[in-house]
Amino acid sequence: MMGMSAVMFIVAQFGSRFANSFLTTAVRYELLEIGGVTKFASAQVATQVSRCFMQQLAGILTDNYSLKKLYVIGEAFNLLLVLVLAGITYYASENAGAALFAVNIGFGLAQAFSQPVSKSMPPCVVSADDLAIVNSWDLTGDKIGRNLAPMVFTIVSSALGFPAALVFSFGLCSALVALKQLIQVADQPVREKANDRGGGSALSKVLGVFSQVWEGILSLKNDRTIGLLILNTLITNMLVYPLGSVVFPVIFKAIPDGSIEQEGSIVSRMILSLQDAVGIHKAKAWMNYAALVSLGGVIGPFLSSAVVYWIKALAATNPERTNWIGLTCGISGQVLTVGLLLLVLTFLQSFSAGTRIFLLFVVWGAMTALNNVTTIYFNAHTQQRLSRTERGRFIANILTMFTLANSVGSLMYGWALASGGIDVQIAMSTRLLLLALVLRLGIAAALRMDMAGRETILLKKTE
């Protein structure tokens, strides 16, 4: 049974991810209001690029300093940024857009700093037998926290105002700093500098991110199946996920206030009822719509869990086929949901406002679920194929690649949004999503035709 420190760690992880996403949503929405589409999209790109370097720096610090101190410092940085955001809100000026741009990057850096530290924490708070449980809860909490936060922000800010959302954030971050301070961490002694591997300076190690990315690209040659699965995830991060963070808010902002109330359709009444049920009452209606679609992202992880249990039952008679069935279902589902989203975006302007929101809510929730299924079995396959000494470096490489891919995707969609009015913006975004569908179909076909690769997926784990 897990001890109190493990439980507190899980709660702290969920709370920290929720708080960071809550604050990032607040800043992004204000930036979209004040700075416009171009600055809004540019902030996402700048945040993602800077995160790559912060992750490298955090990794160096994690190897050389107290984990608990770094863990608390990461949350304290969020607390400091809340105070800065409050200052910008109360002393707004002509430079508010630039200040929000910088604060948005700051929250991204805080999250990037915390990731290597928190991923190194579980062995220091639980026994080896409970590692899998803690990691599972950590992943689930991360998925739910990042999707739940935008909806809660909309509820709090609509019912009580933006200043109340800041007060809530300050209280939450303060509580998290105190909670993290209480966690008992069985930390290893800090290594002496003389024992450090490779003598280079911290700056040279941080700049080594470029060689790390190149090594990650070269690693695709080692296993064709893993290479295809990495490319599939790159497509998700570059051409799919930026839709939720960059494109959807702009689409919803183009819907006139009061459109839902004036429709009188069944769908619009459902949306209004759902808003009332969860307490969303926002003067700026587009924030309501973004919050409702984010609710689909919260439901997605629960749907993926149900799919995983179904796959486990389906493969009960042939357990060696579990990963193959899981990957087949996951990627097939990804192709289907991207196709559905492409269809919805193509005819989006033909639908009523209520129907647009409802369709995006359903498709985004289904897409989140199937992306999770693919990730689960991708991880299972790599754990089966890679030795213990290869996994850490492999994970570091692909995380850097995925972060850079998301940066490029945000930049591409930002360019699409800056190309004209709402019709042109949707048309350009649809073309990018069509590219994702074509590439994903190619990957699905390559996996099906690769008989040798299928045999590696069917192999049982040996260590």
Foldseek 3Di string as FASTA:
>chain_A
DADPLLVLLLVLLLLLLLLLLLVLLLLLVVLCVQVNQLLSLVLLLLLLVVLLLLLLLLLVCLQFDDLLVLLLVLLVLLLVLLVQVVVCVVVPDPCSNVSSSVSSSSSSSSVSNNVVSSVPFPVFRGPPVCSVVSVVSSVLSNLQSNLQSLLVSLQQCAVPNPVSSSVVSNVSSVVSSVSSNPRHTNDDDGDDLVPDPDNDDSVVSSVCSVVLLVVLLVCCVVAVLLVLLLVLLLLCLQQNVLCLSRVLLVLLQPADPPQLVPPPDPLSVVLVVVCVVSRRHHPRCSSSLSSLLSVLSNCQQVLLVVVLVVLCVVCVVPVLCSLVVLQLQLLVQLLVLLVQVLVCLVCVVVDRPSVNSVSSSNSSSSNSNSPVSNVVSSVVLCQQVDDPVPVVSNVSNSVSSSSNSNSNNSVQLSVQCPPDDPVSSSVSSSVSSVVSSVSSVVSSVVVVPPPVSSVSSSDDRDD
